[in-house]
Amino acid sequence: MQTVLKDYAIMFVPSKSNEYRPVCQAHYVDVVCKKFSQLFDGYTLTDSTGGYVDSRGILVEENVKQIKSFMPAITSSIELELFTLADKLKEEMNQECIALEISGSLYFI
C-alpha cells in the first residue's frame, strides 16, 4: 500500500531581526520543528540563504532555515495553526514578516 501526501508546508526561519541583529535561530527552529512533528509526524530541515533589498537600497543576506512537512490534505484548522505559529515567530523575533509556503502558495505573515 502506498501513502500519498499531496500537500506540504514550509516555514522559513530567519537568523536576523528586523534591525539586522542576530537572533537565537536555533530556539525558533526547535519550536517550529516540534510543532511540525506534532501536526505532521515529522519534518525536513534545510539550510538556505535568503536576501532582500532594504529601504536604503542595501542587499541584506542571511542564513534561513526551511522546515518542511508533507500532509495528506491541508485543512482550515491546520492552516490556522500555521498562521498562528508564523505570527508568534514574527512578534518574538522582531520581524516585519515570516514567510510560510503552503502547497505552492507563499504567504508573508
N, C-alpha and C. Protein backbone atom coordinates (compact mmCIF):
# COMPACT_ATOMS: atom_id res chain seq x y z
N MET A 1 0.83 -1.19 0.00
CA MET A 1 0.00 0.00 0.00
C MET A 1 0.88 1.25 0.00
N GLN A 2 0.51 2.21 -0.80
CA GLN A 2 1.25 3.47 -0.88
C GLN A 2 0.48 4.57 -0.16
N THR A 3 1.23 5.43 0.48
CA THR A 3 0.64 6.62 1.09
C THR A 3 1.03 7.82 0.24
N VAL A 4 0.06 8.60 -0.15
CA VAL A 4 0.31 9.78 -0.97
C VAL A 4 0.03 11.02 -0.13
N LEU A 5 1.03 11.86 -0.01
CA LEU A 5 0.91 13.14 0.71
C LEU A 5 1.01 14.25 -0.32
N LYS A 6 -0.11 14.86 -0.64
CA LYS A 6 -0.16 15.83 -1.73
C LYS A 6 0.12 17.27 -1.29
N ASP A 7 -0.13 17.59 -0.06
CA ASP A 7 0.07 18.96 0.42
C ASP A 7 1.31 19.06 1.29
N TYR A 8 1.82 20.27 1.44
CA TYR A 8 3.00 20.48 2.27
C TYR A 8 2.99 21.90 2.83
N ALA A 9 3.82 22.08 3.84
CA ALA A 9 4.03 23.41 4.42
C ALA A 9 5.53 23.60 4.66
N ILE A 10 6.00 24.81 4.40
CA ILE A 10 7.39 25.18 4.68
C ILE A 10 7.38 26.48 5.47
N MET A 11 8.00 26.46 6.64
CA MET A 11 8.17 27.67 7.44
C MET A 11 9.63 28.11 7.27
N PHE A 12 9.84 29.39 6.96
CA PHE A 12 11.17 29.96 6.77
C PHE A 12 11.56 30.72 8.04
N VAL A 13 12.62 30.27 8.71
CA VAL A 13 13.05 30.88 9.98
C VAL A 13 14.33 31.67 9.74
N PRO A 14 14.26 33.00 9.87
CA PRO A 14 15.43 33.85 9.61
C PRO A 14 16.44 33.79 10.75
N SER A 15 17.62 34.36 10.52
CA SER A 15 18.67 34.38 11.54
C SER A 15 18.93 35.78 12.09
N LYS A 16 18.25 36.77 11.53
CA LYS A 16 18.43 38.16 11.99
C LYS A 16 17.08 38.79 12.28
N SER A 17 17.11 39.78 13.17
CA SER A 17 15.89 40.53 13.46
C SER A 17 15.69 41.59 12.38
N ASN A 18 14.60 42.32 12.50
CA ASN A 18 14.31 43.40 11.57
C ASN A 18 15.37 44.50 11.61
N GLU A 19 16.14 44.54 12.70
CA GLU A 19 17.22 45.54 12.82
C GLU A 19 18.57 44.96 12.45
N TYR A 20 18.58 43.82 11.72
CA TYR A 20 19.81 43.18 11.25
C TYR A 20 20.63 42.56 12.38
N ARG A 21 20.04 42.41 13.56
CA ARG A 21 20.76 41.80 14.68
C ARG A 21 20.52 40.30 14.68
N PRO A 22 21.55 39.52 15.04
CA PRO A 22 21.36 38.06 15.12
C PRO A 22 20.30 37.71 16.18
N VAL A 23 19.53 36.67 15.90
CA VAL A 23 18.55 36.15 16.86
C VAL A 23 18.95 34.71 17.19
N CYS A 24 18.36 34.16 18.21
CA CYS A 24 18.62 32.77 18.59
C CYS A 24 17.83 31.86 17.65
N GLN A 25 18.33 31.73 16.44
CA GLN A 25 17.63 30.98 15.40
C GLN A 25 17.37 29.53 15.84
N ALA A 26 18.33 28.93 16.52
CA ALA A 26 18.19 27.52 16.93
C ALA A 26 16.96 27.31 17.79
N HIS A 27 16.67 28.25 18.67
CA HIS A 27 15.48 28.14 19.53
C HIS A 27 14.21 28.13 18.68
N TYR A 28 14.10 29.04 17.74
CA TYR A 28 12.89 29.14 16.93
C TYR A 28 12.76 27.98 15.95
N VAL A 29 13.88 27.49 15.45
CA VAL A 29 13.85 26.29 14.61
C VAL A 29 13.31 25.12 15.43
N ASP A 30 13.76 25.00 16.67
CA ASP A 30 13.28 23.94 17.55
C ASP A 30 11.77 24.04 17.77
N VAL A 31 11.29 25.27 17.99
CA VAL A 31 9.85 25.49 18.19
C VAL A 31 9.06 25.02 16.97
N VAL A 32 9.52 25.41 15.78
CA VAL A 32 8.82 25.03 14.55
C VAL A 32 8.92 23.53 14.31
N CYS A 33 10.09 22.95 14.51
CA CYS A 33 10.26 21.50 14.29
C CYS A 33 9.34 20.70 15.21
N LYS A 34 9.23 21.11 16.46
CA LYS A 34 8.33 20.41 17.39
C LYS A 34 6.88 20.52 16.94
N LYS A 35 6.47 21.72 16.53
CA LYS A 35 5.09 21.91 16.09
C LYS A 35 4.80 21.10 14.83
N PHE A 36 5.72 21.12 13.87
CA PHE A 36 5.52 20.35 12.65
C PHE A 36 5.47 18.86 12.96
N SER A 37 6.30 18.41 13.90
CA SER A 37 6.28 16.99 14.28
C SER A 37 4.95 16.61 14.92
N GLN A 38 4.40 17.51 15.74
CA GLN A 38 3.10 17.26 16.36
C GLN A 38 1.99 17.22 15.31
N LEU A 39 2.04 18.16 14.37
CA LEU A 39 0.98 18.25 13.37
C LEU A 39 1.10 17.20 12.26
N PHE A 40 2.35 16.91 11.84
CA PHE A 40 2.56 16.13 10.62
C PHE A 40 3.42 14.88 10.81
N ASP A 41 3.79 14.57 12.04
CA ASP A 41 4.59 13.38 12.35
C ASP A 41 6.04 13.45 11.86
N GLY A 42 6.53 14.61 11.52
CA GLY A 42 7.92 14.74 11.10
C GLY A 42 8.16 15.97 10.25
N TYR A 43 9.41 16.18 9.87
CA TYR A 43 9.80 17.36 9.09
C TYR A 43 11.13 17.10 8.43
N THR A 44 11.49 17.96 7.50
CA THR A 44 12.82 18.01 6.90
C THR A 44 13.34 19.43 7.09
N LEU A 45 14.58 19.53 7.57
CA LEU A 45 15.21 20.83 7.83
C LEU A 45 16.28 21.08 6.78
N THR A 46 16.21 22.25 6.13
CA THR A 46 17.15 22.61 5.07
C THR A 46 17.76 23.98 5.35
N ASP A 47 19.09 24.08 5.18
CA ASP A 47 19.78 25.37 5.27
C ASP A 47 19.69 26.08 3.94
N SER A 48 19.49 27.38 3.98
CA SER A 48 19.46 28.17 2.76
C SER A 48 19.92 29.59 3.07
N THR A 49 20.08 30.37 2.04
CA THR A 49 20.41 31.78 2.19
C THR A 49 19.27 32.58 1.58
N GLY A 50 18.82 33.58 2.30
CA GLY A 50 17.77 34.46 1.80
C GLY A 50 18.27 35.88 1.78
N GLY A 51 17.62 36.71 1.00
CA GLY A 51 18.05 38.09 0.94
C GLY A 51 16.96 39.00 0.43
N TYR A 52 17.15 40.28 0.65
CA TYR A 52 16.23 41.31 0.19
C TYR A 52 16.98 42.64 0.17
N VAL A 53 16.42 43.61 -0.51
CA VAL A 53 16.99 44.96 -0.54
C VAL A 53 16.21 45.80 0.47
N ASP A 54 16.95 46.39 1.42
CA ASP A 54 16.28 47.18 2.46
C ASP A 54 15.90 48.57 1.95
N SER A 55 15.32 49.37 2.83
CA SER A 55 14.82 50.69 2.44
C SER A 55 15.93 51.66 2.01
N ARG A 56 17.18 51.32 2.36
CA ARG A 56 18.32 52.15 1.96
C ARG A 56 18.95 51.67 0.65
N GLY A 57 18.37 50.59 0.08
CA GLY A 57 18.91 50.05 -1.16
C GLY A 57 20.05 49.07 -0.96
N ILE A 58 20.26 48.62 0.27
CA ILE A 58 21.36 47.72 0.59
C ILE A 58 20.84 46.27 0.55
N LEU A 59 21.61 45.40 -0.11
CA LEU A 59 21.27 43.99 -0.15
C LEU A 59 21.58 43.36 1.21
N VAL A 60 20.60 42.78 1.84
CA VAL A 60 20.75 42.12 3.13
C VAL A 60 20.58 40.63 2.90
N GLU A 61 21.61 39.84 3.25
CA GLU A 61 21.54 38.39 3.14
C GLU A 61 21.66 37.78 4.52
N GLU A 62 21.02 36.60 4.70
CA GLU A 62 21.09 35.92 5.98
C GLU A 62 20.84 34.44 5.80
N ASN A 63 21.29 33.68 6.79
CA ASN A 63 21.01 32.25 6.83
C ASN A 63 19.54 32.06 7.16
N VAL A 64 18.87 31.22 6.42
CA VAL A 64 17.46 30.91 6.65
C VAL A 64 17.31 29.40 6.75
N LYS A 65 16.59 28.95 7.75
CA LYS A 65 16.28 27.53 7.90
C LYS A 65 14.87 27.30 7.35
N GLN A 66 14.73 26.28 6.53
CA GLN A 66 13.42 25.91 5.99
C GLN A 66 12.99 24.60 6.66
N ILE A 67 11.85 24.62 7.30
CA ILE A 67 11.28 23.43 7.91
C ILE A 67 10.08 23.03 7.07
N LYS A 68 10.13 21.80 6.53
CA LYS A 68 9.10 21.35 5.59
C LYS A 68 8.47 20.05 6.06
N SER A 69 7.16 19.97 5.91
CA SER A 69 6.42 18.74 6.20
C SER A 69 5.36 18.53 5.13
N PHE A 70 5.15 17.26 4.83
CA PHE A 70 4.08 16.88 3.91
C PHE A 70 2.88 16.38 4.71
N MET A 71 1.70 16.46 4.11
CA MET A 71 0.46 16.00 4.76
C MET A 71 -0.50 15.53 3.69
N PRO A 72 -1.46 14.68 4.08
CA PRO A 72 -2.43 14.20 3.09
C PRO A 72 -3.27 15.33 2.48
N ALA A 73 -3.69 16.27 3.32
CA ALA A 73 -4.51 17.40 2.85
C ALA A 73 -4.42 18.53 3.86
N ILE A 74 -4.36 19.74 3.35
CA ILE A 74 -4.38 20.92 4.23
C ILE A 74 -5.83 21.18 4.64
N THR A 75 -6.01 21.45 5.92
CA THR A 75 -7.35 21.79 6.41
C THR A 75 -7.32 23.21 6.96
N SER A 76 -8.47 23.78 7.16
CA SER A 76 -8.53 25.15 7.69
C SER A 76 -7.96 25.20 9.10
N SER A 77 -8.11 24.15 9.90
CA SER A 77 -7.57 24.17 11.25
C SER A 77 -6.04 24.09 11.24
N ILE A 78 -5.47 23.30 10.31
CA ILE A 78 -4.01 23.25 10.18
C ILE A 78 -3.50 24.59 9.68
N GLU A 79 -4.17 25.16 8.70
CA GLU A 79 -3.78 26.47 8.18
C GLU A 79 -3.75 27.50 9.31
N LEU A 80 -4.78 27.51 10.14
CA LEU A 80 -4.85 28.45 11.26
C LEU A 80 -3.69 28.24 12.22
N GLU A 81 -3.35 26.99 12.52
CA GLU A 81 -2.22 26.71 13.41
C GLU A 81 -0.91 27.22 12.81
N LEU A 82 -0.73 27.04 11.51
CA LEU A 82 0.49 27.51 10.85
C LEU A 82 0.56 29.04 10.84
N PHE A 83 -0.55 29.69 10.53
CA PHE A 83 -0.58 31.16 10.53
C PHE A 83 -0.31 31.70 11.94
N THR A 84 -0.87 31.05 12.94
CA THR A 84 -0.67 31.47 14.34
C THR A 84 0.79 31.32 14.74
N LEU A 85 1.40 30.19 14.35
CA LEU A 85 2.81 29.97 14.64
C LEU A 85 3.69 31.01 13.95
N ALA A 86 3.42 31.30 12.69
CA ALA A 86 4.20 32.31 11.96
C ALA A 86 4.05 33.68 12.61
N ASP A 87 2.86 34.02 13.04
CA ASP A 87 2.63 35.31 13.70
C ASP A 87 3.38 35.39 15.02
N LYS A 88 3.42 34.29 15.77
CA LYS A 88 4.16 34.24 17.03
C LYS A 88 5.64 34.46 16.78
N LEU A 89 6.20 33.77 15.77
CA LEU A 89 7.61 33.97 15.43
C LEU A 89 7.88 35.41 15.02
N LYS A 90 7.01 35.96 14.21
CA LYS A 90 7.19 37.34 13.75
C LYS A 90 7.33 38.29 14.93
N GLU A 91 6.45 38.16 15.90
CA GLU A 91 6.48 39.04 17.07
C GLU A 91 7.72 38.80 17.91
N GLU A 92 7.98 37.54 18.24
CA GLU A 92 9.10 37.22 19.14
C GLU A 92 10.46 37.50 18.51
N MET A 93 10.56 37.35 17.19
CA MET A 93 11.84 37.56 16.52
C MET A 93 12.00 38.99 16.01
N ASN A 94 11.00 39.83 16.25
CA ASN A 94 11.02 41.22 15.80
C ASN A 94 11.24 41.29 14.29
N GLN A 95 10.35 40.61 13.55
CA GLN A 95 10.41 40.56 12.09
C GLN A 95 9.29 41.39 11.48
N GLU A 96 9.52 41.88 10.29
CA GLU A 96 8.45 42.53 9.53
C GLU A 96 7.43 41.48 9.10
N CYS A 97 7.92 40.29 8.76
CA CYS A 97 7.03 39.18 8.40
C CYS A 97 7.82 37.88 8.47
N ILE A 98 7.09 36.78 8.47
CA ILE A 98 7.65 35.43 8.38
C ILE A 98 7.04 34.80 7.13
N ALA A 99 7.88 34.15 6.32
CA ALA A 99 7.40 33.50 5.11
C ALA A 99 6.92 32.09 5.44
N LEU A 100 5.77 31.75 4.88
CA LEU A 100 5.17 30.43 5.05
C LEU A 100 4.63 30.00 3.70
N GLU A 101 5.12 28.88 3.20
CA GLU A 101 4.62 28.34 1.95
C GLU A 101 3.71 27.16 2.24
N ILE A 102 2.52 27.19 1.65
CA ILE A 102 1.58 26.08 1.80
C ILE A 102 1.19 25.60 0.40
N SER A 103 1.68 24.42 0.07
CA SER A 103 1.33 23.76 -1.20
C SER A 103 1.43 24.69 -2.42
N GLY A 104 2.53 25.42 -2.50
CA GLY A 104 2.79 26.25 -3.68
C GLY A 104 2.38 27.71 -3.54
N SER A 105 1.68 28.07 -2.47
CA SER A 105 1.31 29.48 -2.25
C SER A 105 2.17 30.03 -1.13
N LEU A 106 2.82 31.17 -1.39
CA LEU A 106 3.69 31.79 -0.40
C LEU A 106 2.94 32.92 0.32
N TYR A 107 2.96 32.85 1.65
CA TYR A 107 2.30 33.87 2.49
C TYR A 107 3.38 34.61 3.27
N PHE A 108 3.25 35.93 3.36
CA PHE A 108 4.10 36.73 4.23
C PHE A 108 3.24 37.13 5.41
N ILE A 109 3.47 36.45 6.53
CA ILE A 109 2.64 36.63 7.73
C ILE A 109 3.24 37.73 8.59
